[in-house]
PDB file of N, CA and C in Angstrom:
ATOM      1  N   MET A   1      45.581  53.489  22.736  1.00  0.00           N
ATOM      2  CA  MET A   1      44.526  54.266  23.334  1.00  0.00           C
ATOM      3  C   MET A   1      43.706  54.977  22.256  1.00  0.00           C
ATOM      4  N   THR A   2      44.372  55.542  21.264  1.00  0.00           N
ATOM      5  CA  THR A   2      43.653  56.247  20.202  1.00  0.00           C
ATOM      6  C   THR A   2      42.817  55.283  19.375  1.00  0.00           C
ATOM      7  N   LEU A   3      43.325  54.077  19.152  1.00  0.00           N
ATOM      8  CA  LEU A   3      42.568  53.083  18.402  1.00  0.00           C
ATOM      9  C   LEU A   3      41.289  52.712  19.143  1.00  0.00           C
ATOM     10  N   ILE A   4      41.386  52.562  20.450  1.00  0.00           N
ATOM     11  CA  ILE A   4      40.191  52.251  21.243  1.00  0.00           C
ATOM     12  C   ILE A   4      39.193  53.391  21.150  1.00  0.00           C
ATOM     13  N   ALA A   5      39.690  54.632  21.249  1.00  0.00           N
ATOM     14  CA  ALA A   5      38.801  55.791  21.154  1.00  0.00           C
ATOM     15  C   ALA A   5      38.122  55.836  19.791  1.00  0.00           C
ATOM     16  N   ALA A   6      38.864  55.527  18.732  1.00  0.00           N
ATOM     17  CA  ALA A   6      38.289  55.540  17.389  1.00  0.00           C
ATOM     18  C   ALA A   6      37.216  54.464  17.241  1.00  0.00           C
ATOM     19  N   LEU A   7      37.478  53.291  17.767  1.00  0.00           N
ATOM     20  CA  LEU A   7      36.494  52.211  17.671  1.00  0.00           C
ATOM     21  C   LEU A   7      35.236  52.518  18.473  1.00  0.00           C
ATOM     22  N   VAL A   8      35.396  53.108  19.648  1.00  0.00           N
ATOM     23  CA  VAL A   8      34.229  53.482  20.455  1.00  0.00           C
ATOM     24  C   VAL A   8      33.396  54.529  19.734  1.00  0.00           C
ATOM     25  N   ALA A   9      34.054  55.563  19.201  1.00  0.00           N
ATOM     26  CA  ALA A   9      33.327  56.618  18.498  1.00  0.00           C
ATOM     27  C   ALA A   9      32.638  56.072  17.254  1.00  0.00           C
ATOM     28  N   GLU A  10      33.300  55.182  16.546  1.00  0.00           N
ATOM     29  CA  GLU A  10      32.694  54.604  15.348  1.00  0.00           C
ATOM     30  C   GLU A  10      31.477  53.761  15.712  1.00  0.00           C
ATOM     31  N   GLY A  11      31.581  52.991  16.789  1.00  0.00           N
ATOM     32  CA  GLY A  11      30.452  52.174  17.223  1.00  0.00           C
ATOM     33  C   GLY A  11      29.265  53.016  17.646  1.00  0.00           C
ATOM     34  N   VAL A  12      29.525  54.097  18.362  1.00  0.00           N
ATOM     35  CA  VAL A  12      28.448  54.987  18.791  1.00  0.00           C
ATOM     36  C   VAL A  12      27.777  55.629  17.583  1.00  0.00           C
ATOM     37  N   ALA A  13      28.576  56.086  16.621  1.00  0.00           N
ATOM     38  CA  ALA A  13      28.007  56.705  15.419  1.00  0.00           C
ATOM     39  C   ALA A  13      27.173  55.693  14.644  1.00  0.00           C
ATOM     40  N   TRP A  14      27.625  54.461  14.554  1.00  0.00           N
ATOM     41  CA  TRP A  14      26.888  53.442  13.804  1.00  0.00           C
ATOM     42  C   TRP A  14      25.557  53.131  14.490  1.00  0.00           C
ATOM     43  N   VAL A  15      25.562  53.046  15.813  1.00  0.00           N
ATOM     44  CA  VAL A  15      24.329  52.747  16.546  1.00  0.00           C
ATOM     45  C   VAL A  15      23.343  53.905  16.435  1.00  0.00           C
ATOM     46  N   LEU A  16      23.836  55.138  16.542  1.00  0.00           N
ATOM     47  CA  LEU A  16      22.941  56.291  16.505  1.00  0.00           C
ATOM     48  C   LEU A  16      22.314  56.507  15.138  1.00  0.00           C
ATOM     49  N   PHE A  17      23.082  56.303  14.090  1.00  0.00           N
ATOM     50  CA  PHE A  17      22.600  56.644  12.763  1.00  0.00           C
ATOM     51  C   PHE A  17      22.309  55.430  11.888  1.00  0.00           C
ATOM     52  N   ALA A  18      22.597  54.244  12.350  1.00  0.00           N
ATOM     53  CA  ALA A  18      22.259  52.971  11.691  1.00  0.00           C
ATOM     54  C   ALA A  18      22.650  52.956  10.217  1.00  0.00           C
ATOM     55  N   GLY A  19      23.755  53.561   9.881  1.00  0.00           N
ATOM     56  CA  GLY A  19      24.278  53.496   8.528  1.00  0.00           C
ATOM     57  C   GLY A  19      23.505  54.284   7.498  1.00  0.00           C
ATOM     58  N   GLU A  20      22.606  55.178   7.897  1.00  0.00           N
ATOM     59  CA  GLU A  20      21.783  55.913   6.948  1.00  0.00           C
ATOM     60  C   GLU A  20      22.444  57.183   6.437  1.00  0.00           C
ATOM     61  N   LEU A  21      23.603  57.542   6.968  1.00  0.00           N
ATOM     62  CA  LEU A  21      24.276  58.767   6.558  1.00  0.00           C
ATOM     63  C   LEU A  21      25.156  58.522   5.344  1.00  0.00           C
ATOM     64  N   ALA A  22      25.496  59.592   4.680  1.00  0.00           N
ATOM     65  CA  ALA A  22      26.442  59.492   3.580  1.00  0.00           C
ATOM     66  C   ALA A  22      27.797  59.076   4.142  1.00  0.00           C
ATOM     67  N   TRP A  23      28.559  58.351   3.352  1.00  0.00           N
ATOM     68  CA  TRP A  23      29.828  57.786   3.818  1.00  0.00           C
ATOM     69  C   TRP A  23      30.793  58.869   4.302  1.00  0.00           C
ATOM     70  N   GLY A  24      30.895  59.986   3.621  1.00  0.00           N
ATOM     71  CA  GLY A  24      31.817  61.047   4.012  1.00  0.00           C
ATOM     72  C   GLY A  24      31.476  61.644   5.363  1.00  0.00           C
ATOM     73  N   PHE A  25      30.207  61.874   5.599  1.00  0.00           N
ATOM     74  CA  PHE A  25      29.787  62.421   6.877  1.00  0.00           C
ATOM     75  C   PHE A  25      30.036  61.430   8.003  1.00  0.00           C
ATOM     76  N   TYR A  26      29.859  60.149   7.709  1.00  0.00           N
ATOM     77  CA  TYR A  26      30.103  59.099   8.691  1.00  0.00           C
ATOM     78  C   TYR A  26      31.577  59.073   9.098  1.00  0.00           C
ATOM     79  N   VAL A  27      32.467  59.220   8.155  1.00  0.00           N
ATOM     80  CA  VAL A  27      33.900  59.228   8.441  1.00  0.00           C
ATOM     81  C   VAL A  27      34.265  60.453   9.270  1.00  0.00           C
ATOM     82  N   VAL A  28      33.730  61.612   8.912  1.00  0.00           N
ATOM     83  CA  VAL A  28      34.010  62.837   9.672  1.00  0.00           C
ATOM     84  C   VAL A  28      33.463  62.702  11.089  1.00  0.00           C
ATOM     85  N   LEU A  29      32.267  62.183  11.233  1.00  0.00           N
ATOM     86  CA  LEU A  29      31.676  61.998  12.552  1.00  0.00           C
ATOM     87  C   LEU A  29      32.513  61.048  13.398  1.00  0.00           C
ATOM     88  N   ALA A  30      32.974  59.961  12.820  1.00  0.00           N
ATOM     89  CA  ALA A  30      33.811  59.013  13.554  1.00  0.00           C
ATOM     90  C   ALA A  30      35.143  59.651  13.947  1.00  0.00           C
ATOM     91  N   ALA A  31      35.741  60.447  13.072  1.00  0.00           N
ATOM     92  CA  ALA A  31      37.022  61.098  13.379  1.00  0.00           C
ATOM     93  C   ALA A  31      36.856  62.125  14.490  1.00  0.00           C
ATOM     94  N   VAL A  32      35.820  62.926  14.432  1.00  0.00           N
ATOM     95  CA  VAL A  32      35.581  63.928  15.479  1.00  0.00           C
ATOM     96  C   VAL A  32      35.284  63.235  16.806  1.00  0.00           C
ATOM     97  N   GLY A  33      34.490  62.200  16.771  1.00  0.00           N
ATOM     98  CA  GLY A  33      34.194  61.444  17.992  1.00  0.00           C
ATOM     99  C   GLY A  33      35.442  60.825  18.591  1.00  0.00           C
ATOM    100  N   ALA A  34      36.303  60.259  17.741  1.00  0.00           N
ATOM    101  CA  ALA A  34      37.547  59.665  18.222  1.00  0.00           C
ATOM    102  C   ALA A  34      38.453  60.731  18.822  1.00  0.00           C
ATOM    103  N   ALA A  35      38.494  61.908  18.209  1.00  0.00           N
ATOM    104  CA  ALA A  35      39.326  62.996  18.741  1.00  0.00           C
ATOM    105  C   ALA A  35      38.816  63.435  20.109  1.00  0.00           C
ATOM    106  N   LEU A  36      37.509  63.549  20.266  1.00  0.00           N
ATOM    107  CA  LEU A  36      36.947  63.968  21.555  1.00  0.00           C
ATOM    108  C   LEU A  36      37.177  62.919  22.641  1.00  0.00           C
ATOM    109  N   VAL A  37      36.976  61.662  22.298  1.00  0.00           N
ATOM    110  CA  VAL A  37      37.206  60.592  23.272  1.00  0.00           C
ATOM    111  C   VAL A  37      38.685  60.531  23.633  1.00  0.00           C
ATOM    112  N   GLY A  38      39.571  60.674  22.647  1.00  0.00           N
ATOM    113  CA  GLY A  38      41.005  60.680  22.917  1.00  0.00           C
ATOM    114  C   GLY A  38      41.429  61.847  23.787  1.00  0.00           C
ATOM    115  N   LEU A  39      40.843  63.000  23.551  1.00  0.00           N
ATOM    116  CA  LEU A  39      41.142  64.174  24.366  1.00  0.00           C
ATOM    117  C   LEU A  39      40.705  63.952  25.812  1.00  0.00           C
ATOM    118  N   PHE A  40      39.516  63.414  25.987  1.00  0.00           N
ATOM    119  CA  PHE A  40      39.025  63.139  27.332  1.00  0.00           C
ATOM    120  C   PHE A  40      39.894  62.112  28.045  1.00  0.00           C
ATOM    121  N   LEU A  41      40.229  61.012  27.371  1.00  0.00           N
ATOM    122  CA  LEU A  41      41.051  59.975  27.997  1.00  0.00           C
ATOM    123  C   LEU A  41      42.456  60.481  28.305  1.00  0.00           C
ATOM    124  N   GLY A  42      43.023  61.289  27.412  1.00  0.00           N
ATOM    125  CA  GLY A  42      44.343  61.859  27.660  1.00  0.00           C
ATOM    126  C   GLY A  42      44.350  62.762  28.876  1.00  0.00           C
ATOM    127  N   ALA A  43      43.332  63.588  29.015  1.00  0.00           N
ATOM    128  CA  ALA A  43      43.227  64.471  30.180  1.00  0.00           C
ATOM    129  C   ALA A  43      43.026  63.658  31.456  1.00  0.00           C
ATOM    130  N   TRP A  44      42.238  62.605  31.362  1.00  0.00           N
ATOM    131  CA  TRP A  44      41.957  61.782  32.525  1.00  0.00           C
ATOM    132  C   TRP A  44      43.217  61.083  33.029  1.00  0.00           C
ATOM    133  N   PHE A  45      44.002  60.502  32.111  1.00  0.00           N
ATOM    134  CA  PHE A  45      45.168  59.738  32.515  1.00  0.00           C
ATOM    135  C   PHE A  45      46.372  60.615  32.855  1.00  0.00           C
ATOM    136  N   SER A  46      46.362  61.883  32.490  1.00  0.00           N
ATOM    137  CA  SER A  46      47.500  62.755  32.800  1.00  0.00           C
ATOM    138  C   SER A  46      47.286  63.556  34.080  1.00  0.00           C
ATOM    139  N   ARG A  47      46.204  63.308  34.792  1.00  0.00           N
ATOM    140  CA  ARG A  47      45.926  64.055  36.016  1.00  0.00           C
ATOM    141  C   ARG A  47      47.034  63.936  37.049  1.00  0.00           C
ATOM    142  N   SER A  48      47.547  62.734  37.284  1.00  0.00           N
ATOM    143  CA  SER A  48      48.560  62.551  38.320  1.00  0.00           C
ATOM    144  C   SER A  48      49.859  63.258  37.958  1.00  0.00           C
ATOM    145  N   VAL A  49      50.229  63.238  36.688  1.00  0.00           N
ATOM    146  CA  VAL A  49      51.441  63.932  36.256  1.00  0.00           C
ATOM    147  C   VAL A  49      51.259  65.432  36.413  1.00  0.00           C
ATOM    148  N   THR A  50      50.101  65.943  36.048  1.00  0.00           N
ATOM    149  CA  THR A  50      49.824  67.364  36.183  1.00  0.00           C
ATOM    150  C   THR A  50      49.855  67.794  37.647  1.00  0.00           C
ATOM    151  N   ARG A  51      49.314  66.968  38.508  1.00  0.00           N
ATOM    152  CA  ARG A  51      49.305  67.276  39.937  1.00  0.00           C
ATOM    153  C   ARG A  51      50.729  67.328  40.494  1.00  0.00           C
ATOM    154  N   ARG A  52      51.558  66.359  40.114  1.00  0.00           N
ATOM    155  CA  ARG A  52      52.942  66.340  40.605  1.00  0.00           C
ATOM    156  C   ARG A  52      53.730  67.528  40.065  1.00  0.00           C
ATOM    157  N   LEU A  53      53.512  67.892  38.812  1.00  0.00           N
ATOM    158  CA  LEU A  53      54.210  69.047  38.259  1.00  0.00           C
ATOM    159  C   LEU A  53      53.772  70.336  38.940  1.00  0.00           C
ATOM    160  N   GLY A  54      52.504  70.446  39.280  1.00  0.00           N
ATOM    161  CA  GLY A  54      52.018  71.617  39.997  1.00  0.00           C
ATOM    162  C   GLY A  54      52.665  71.746  41.370  1.00  0.00           C
ATOM    163  N   CYS A  55      52.819  70.621  42.053  1.00  0.00           N
ATOM    164  CA  CYS A  55      53.477  70.625  43.361  1.00  0.00           C
ATOM    165  C   CYS A  55      54.938  71.040  43.217  1.00  0.00           C
ATOM    166  N   ALA A  56      55.623  70.515  42.216  1.00  0.00           N
ATOM    167  CA  ALA A  56      57.021  70.883  41.977  1.00  0.00           C
ATOM    168  C   ALA A  56      57.143  72.366  41.645  1.00  0.00           C
ATOM    169  N   LEU A  57      56.191  72.902  40.916  1.00  0.00           N
ATOM    170  CA  LEU A  57      56.213  74.325  40.580  1.00  0.00           C
ATOM    171  C   LEU A  57      56.051  75.185  41.829  1.00  0.00           C
ATOM    172  N   GLU A  58      55.131  74.819  42.711  1.00  0.00           N
ATOM    173  CA  GLU A  58      54.938  75.577  43.950  1.00  0.00           C
ATOM    174  C   GLU A  58      56.190  75.551  44.822  1.00  0.00           C
ATOM    175  N   VAL A  59      56.833  74.401  44.935  1.00  0.00           N
ATOM    176  CA  VAL A  59      58.041  74.295  45.755  1.00  0.00           C
ATOM    177  C   VAL A  59      59.175  75.101  45.130  1.00  0.00           C
ATOM    178  N   SER A  60      59.306  75.051  43.805  1.00  0.00           N
ATOM    179  CA  SER A  60      60.385  75.818  43.171  1.00  0.00           C
ATOM    180  C   SER A  60      60.152  77.330  43.312  1.00  0.00           C
ATOM    181  N   ARG A  61      58.905  77.759  43.307  1.00  0.00           N
ATOM    182  CA  ARG A  61      58.624  79.185  43.559  1.00  0.00           C
ATOM    183  C   ARG A  61      58.994  79.574  44.989  1.00  0.00           C
ATOM    184  N   ALA A  62      58.728  78.671  45.934  1.00  0.00           N
ATOM    185  CA  ALA A  62      59.122  78.939  47.320  1.00  0.00           C
ATOM    186  C   ALA A  62      60.645  79.009  47.431  1.00  0.00           C
ATOM    187  N   TRP A  63      61.350  78.148  46.711  1.00  0.00           N
ATOM    188  CA  TRP A  63      62.823  78.186  46.713  1.00  0.00           C
ATOM    189  C   TRP A  63      63.316  79.522  46.172  1.00  0.00           C
ATOM    190  N   MET A  64      62.664  80.029  45.119  1.00  0.00           N
ATOM    191  CA  MET A  64      63.092  81.311  44.542  1.00  0.00           C
ATOM    192  C   MET A  64      62.872  82.459  45.534  1.00  0.00           C
ATOM    193  N   ARG A  65      61.876  82.331  46.408  1.00  0.00           N
ATOM    194  CA  ARG A  65      61.638  83.352  47.428  1.00  0.00           C
ATOM    195  C   ARG A  65      62.578  83.193  48.618  1.00  0.00           C
ATOM    196  N   GLY A  66      63.373  82.128  48.645  1.00  0.00           N
ATOM    197  CA  GLY A  66      64.352  81.924  49.706  1.00  0.00           C
ATOM    198  C   GLY A  66      63.969  80.894  50.735  1.00  0.00           C
ATOM    199  N   ASN A  67      62.816  80.276  50.602  1.00  0.00           N
ATOM    200  CA  ASN A  67      62.382  79.246  51.542  1.00  0.00           C
ATOM    201  C   ASN A  67      62.907  77.892  51.052  1.00  0.00           C
ATOM    202  N   LEU A  68      64.090  77.521  51.526  1.00  0.00           N
ATOM    203  CA  LEU A  68      64.713  76.281  51.063  1.00  0.00           C
ATOM    204  C   LEU A  68      64.367  75.083  51.940  1.00  0.00           C
ATOM    205  N   SER A  69      63.468  75.257  52.902  1.00  0.00           N
ATOM    206  CA  SER A  69      63.102  74.157  53.785  1.00  0.00           C
ATOM    207  C   SER A  69      62.073  73.212  53.147  1.00  0.00           C
ATOM    208  N   LEU A  70      61.396  73.661  52.113  1.00  0.00           N
ATOM    209  CA  LEU A  70      60.389  72.809  51.465  1.00  0.00           C
ATOM    210  C   LEU A  70      61.058  71.765  50.579  1.00  0.00           C
ATOM    211  N   ARG A  71      60.466  70.613  50.510  1.00  0.00           N
ATOM    212  CA  ARG A  71      60.940  69.530  49.652  1.00  0.00           C
ATOM    213  C   ARG A  71      59.791  69.041  48.785  1.00  0.00           C
ATOM    214  N   ILE A  72      60.114  68.541  47.608  1.00  0.00           N
ATOM    215  CA  ILE A  72      59.106  67.978  46.703  1.00  0.00           C
ATOM    216  C   ILE A  72      58.895  66.528  47.108  1.00  0.00           C
ATOM    217  N   ALA A  73      57.717  66.233  47.608  1.00  0.00           N
ATOM    218  CA  ALA A  73      57.382  64.879  48.029  1.00  0.00           C
ATOM    219  C   ALA A  73      56.177  64.417  47.246  1.00  0.00           C
ATOM    220  N   GLY A  74      56.368  63.376  46.486  1.00  0.00           N
ATOM    221  CA  GLY A  74      55.265  62.834  45.705  1.00  0.00           C
ATOM    222  C   GLY A  74      54.522  61.754  46.484  1.00  0.00           C
ATOM    223  N   PRO A  75      53.276  61.480  46.120  1.00  0.00           N
ATOM    224  CA  PRO A  75      52.495  60.473  46.833  1.00  0.00           C
ATOM    225  C   PRO A  75      52.909  59.037  46.492  1.00  0.00           C
ATOM    226  N   VAL A  76      53.659  58.865  45.428  1.00  0.00           N
ATOM    227  CA  VAL A  76      54.096  57.517  45.032  1.00  0.00           C
ATOM    228  C   VAL A  76      55.606  57.514  44.888  1.00  0.00           C
ATOM    229  N   ALA A  77      56.174  56.330  44.960  1.00  0.00           N
ATOM    230  CA  ALA A  77      57.622  56.200  44.820  1.00  0.00           C
ATOM    231  C   ALA A  77      58.024  56.406  43.359  1.00  0.00           C
ATOM    232  N   ASP A  78      59.210  56.950  43.162  1.00  0.00           N
ATOM    233  CA  ASP A  78      59.692  57.171  41.801  1.00  0.00           C
ATOM    234  C   ASP A  78      60.441  55.940  41.304  1.00  0.00           C
ATOM    235  N   ASP A  79      61.240  56.086  40.269  1.00  0.00           N
ATOM    236  CA  ASP A  79      61.918  54.962  39.632  1.00  0.00           C
ATOM    237  C   ASP A  79      62.933  54.262  40.521  1.00  0.00           C
ATOM    238  N   VAL A  80      63.543  54.998  41.454  1.00  0.00           N
ATOM    239  CA  VAL A  80      64.536  54.387  42.328  1.00  0.00           C
ATOM    240  C   VAL A  80      63.977  54.044  43.704  1.00  0.00           C
ATOM    241  N   GLY A  81      62.666  54.146  43.862  1.00  0.00           N
ATOM    242  CA  GLY A  81      62.021  53.747  45.105  1.00  0.00           C
ATOM    243  C   GLY A  81      61.941  54.845  46.149  1.00  0.00           C
ATOM    244  N   MET A  82      62.234  56.067  45.767  1.00  0.00           N
ATOM    245  CA  MET A  82      62.155  57.177  46.718  1.00  0.00           C
ATOM    246  C   MET A  82      60.894  57.980  46.430  1.00  0.00           C
ATOM    247  N   SER A  83      60.317  58.572  47.454  1.00  0.00           N
ATOM    248  CA  SER A  83      59.120  59.393  47.223  1.00  0.00           C
ATOM    249  C   SER A  83      59.457  60.855  47.167  1.00  0.00           C
TER     250      SER A  83
END
């Protein structure tokens, strides 16, 4: 995933500046672009995990208050086929 982000950022930098920049600035621009694209893609793909952890946190807080009737139910099946 990071390699794809780096290649995309490098391609965008090359198209925008057409190789007219100094080599050092080009490398820094490509690295910053790759970091931003990687950050965005990481946040995008971790949404479902974050959502499930938030649900588990809410249920565990309810358990601490004494409401043991709540259960953690995910929208997808887990590794053993249970939801």
